[in-house]
């Protein structure tokens, strides 16, 4: 069974930083493209960032470009999302997802999902 587990969320003040982690088990992590998505209360789930299997290619939503950095460690089977200059509008549940085929920015393209970790940014 493929499992993705997010961690590292919590409460942070605006302007602060936070690092999220997502560990994967039960599959061939090094072959997966990985994505980060987020969903705020009453809002649809939106794309945040993605990284290809080797970590050499990354892509970001315009709303987080320059503030967030996605990376991965294929030895640890872990993908990270380093968030800086956080804003209240970044408040959401953050999810990681795995794509068996290629990097994508749509939720339907991903095959496996974690259960999310809450990030709350106070004013």
Protein backbone atom coordinates (compact mmCIF):
# COMPACT_ATOMS: atom_id res chain seq x y z
CA UNK A 1 0.00 0.00 0.00
CA UNK A 2 1.35 3.40 -0.98
CA UNK A 3 1.25 5.86 1.91
CA UNK A 4 2.05 9.56 2.00
CA UNK A 5 2.24 11.29 5.39
CA UNK A 6 2.64 15.05 5.78
CA UNK A 7 4.15 16.70 8.83
CA UNK A 8 5.53 20.04 10.00
CA UNK A 9 2.38 22.15 10.00
CA UNK A 10 1.29 24.44 12.81
CA UNK A 11 0.78 28.07 13.75
CA UNK A 12 3.12 30.81 12.56
CA UNK A 13 2.98 34.60 12.44
CA UNK A 14 2.83 36.48 9.16
CA UNK A 15 6.30 36.91 7.73
CA UNK A 16 7.55 33.74 9.34
CA UNK A 17 8.77 30.47 7.88
CA UNK A 18 7.75 26.85 8.07
CA UNK A 19 9.00 23.60 6.53
CA UNK A 20 6.63 20.81 5.60
CA UNK A 21 7.71 17.23 5.01
CA UNK A 22 6.03 14.33 3.24
CA UNK A 23 7.32 10.80 3.65
CA UNK A 24 6.33 8.05 1.24
CA UNK A 25 6.25 4.29 1.72
CA UNK A 26 4.97 1.26 -0.17
CA UNK A 27 6.08 2.39 -3.63
CA UNK A 28 9.02 3.45 -5.74
CA UNK A 29 9.37 7.03 -4.55
CA UNK A 30 12.33 7.82 -6.79
CA UNK A 31 10.17 7.21 -9.87
CA UNK A 32 7.35 9.55 -8.81
CA UNK A 33 6.80 13.16 -9.58
CA UNK A 34 5.57 14.88 -6.42
CA UNK A 35 3.21 17.77 -5.89
CA UNK A 36 2.01 20.02 -3.08
CA UNK A 37 -1.56 21.30 -2.93
CA UNK A 38 -3.52 23.28 -0.37
CA UNK A 39 -7.14 23.80 0.55
CA UNK A 40 -8.57 26.58 2.70
CA UNK A 41 -12.02 26.33 4.37
CA UNK A 42 -14.75 26.86 1.81
CA UNK A 43 -12.25 26.94 -1.05
CA UNK A 44 -11.28 24.47 -3.74
CA UNK A 45 -8.01 22.59 -3.56
CA UNK A 46 -5.30 24.46 -5.44
CA UNK A 47 -1.88 23.65 -6.82
CA UNK A 48 1.15 24.96 -4.93
CA UNK A 49 4.33 23.32 -6.24
CA UNK A 50 5.64 20.24 -8.05
CA UNK A 51 8.96 18.49 -8.54
CA UNK A 52 10.03 15.81 -10.99
CA UNK A 53 11.50 12.42 -10.08
CA UNK A 54 15.11 13.59 -9.91
CA UNK A 55 14.45 16.97 -8.31
CA UNK A 56 15.96 18.77 -11.28
CA UNK A 57 12.72 20.39 -12.44
CA UNK A 58 10.34 22.38 -10.24
CA UNK A 59 7.20 24.38 -10.88
CA UNK A 60 5.30 26.82 -8.66
CA UNK A 61 1.96 28.55 -8.56
CA UNK A 62 2.28 32.29 -9.13
CA UNK A 63 0.92 32.96 -5.65
CA UNK A 64 3.91 31.29 -3.96
CA UNK A 65 6.70 31.81 -6.48
CA UNK A 66 9.74 33.35 -4.83
CA UNK A 67 8.50 32.45 -1.34
CA UNK A 68 8.18 28.65 -1.38
CA UNK A 69 10.76 26.04 -2.37
CA UNK A 70 10.05 22.38 -3.10
CA UNK A 71 12.81 19.79 -2.83
CA UNK A 72 13.19 16.05 -2.39
CA UNK A 73 15.50 13.44 -0.91
CA UNK A 74 15.12 10.14 -2.74
CA UNK A 75 17.23 8.31 -0.17
CA UNK A 76 14.82 9.32 2.61
CA UNK A 77 11.75 8.99 0.35
CA UNK A 78 10.77 12.49 1.42
CA UNK A 79 9.61 15.65 -0.32
CA UNK A 80 9.80 19.05 1.38
CA UNK A 81 8.08 22.39 1.07
CA UNK A 82 10.05 25.27 2.56
CA UNK A 83 7.74 28.24 3.06
CA UNK A 84 9.00 31.74 3.81
CA UNK A 85 7.41 35.19 4.05
CA UNK A 86 4.16 33.53 4.98
CA UNK A 87 0.91 35.44 4.61
CA UNK A 88 -2.51 34.91 6.23
CA UNK A 89 -3.83 33.85 2.83
CA UNK A 90 -1.42 30.89 2.95
CA UNK A 91 -3.56 29.40 5.74
CA UNK A 92 -4.84 26.03 4.55
CA UNK A 93 -4.49 22.31 4.86
CA UNK A 94 -1.46 21.31 2.81
CA UNK A 95 -1.41 17.99 0.97
CA UNK A 96 1.35 16.13 -0.81
CA UNK A 97 0.63 13.88 -3.77
CA UNK A 98 2.49 11.44 -6.01
CA UNK A 99 2.22 11.01 -9.78
CA UNK A 100 3.45 7.75 -11.28
CA UNK A 101 3.88 9.20 -14.76
CA UNK A 102 4.93 12.84 -14.91
CA UNK A 103 4.79 16.19 -13.16
CA UNK A 104 1.43 17.95 -13.34
CA UNK A 105 -0.47 20.87 -11.81
CA UNK A 106 -3.97 19.36 -11.69
CA UNK A 107 -5.34 17.28 -8.83
CA UNK A 108 -6.78 14.59 -11.12
CA UNK A 109 -3.33 13.78 -12.51
CA UNK A 110 -2.02 12.51 -9.17
CA UNK A 111 -2.38 8.90 -8.11
CA UNK A 112 -1.71 9.00 -4.36
CA UNK A 113 -2.49 11.56 -1.67
CA UNK A 114 -1.58 12.23 1.92
CA UNK A 115 -4.12 13.25 4.55
CA UNK A 116 -2.79 16.78 4.93
CA UNK A 117 -1.24 19.00 7.58
CA UNK A 118 -2.73 22.26 8.84
CA UNK A 119 -0.82 25.51 8.33
CA UNK A 120 -2.21 28.59 10.06
CA UNK A 121 -0.67 32.03 9.50
CA UNK A 122 -1.78 34.71 11.94
CA UNK A 123 -1.89 38.44 11.20
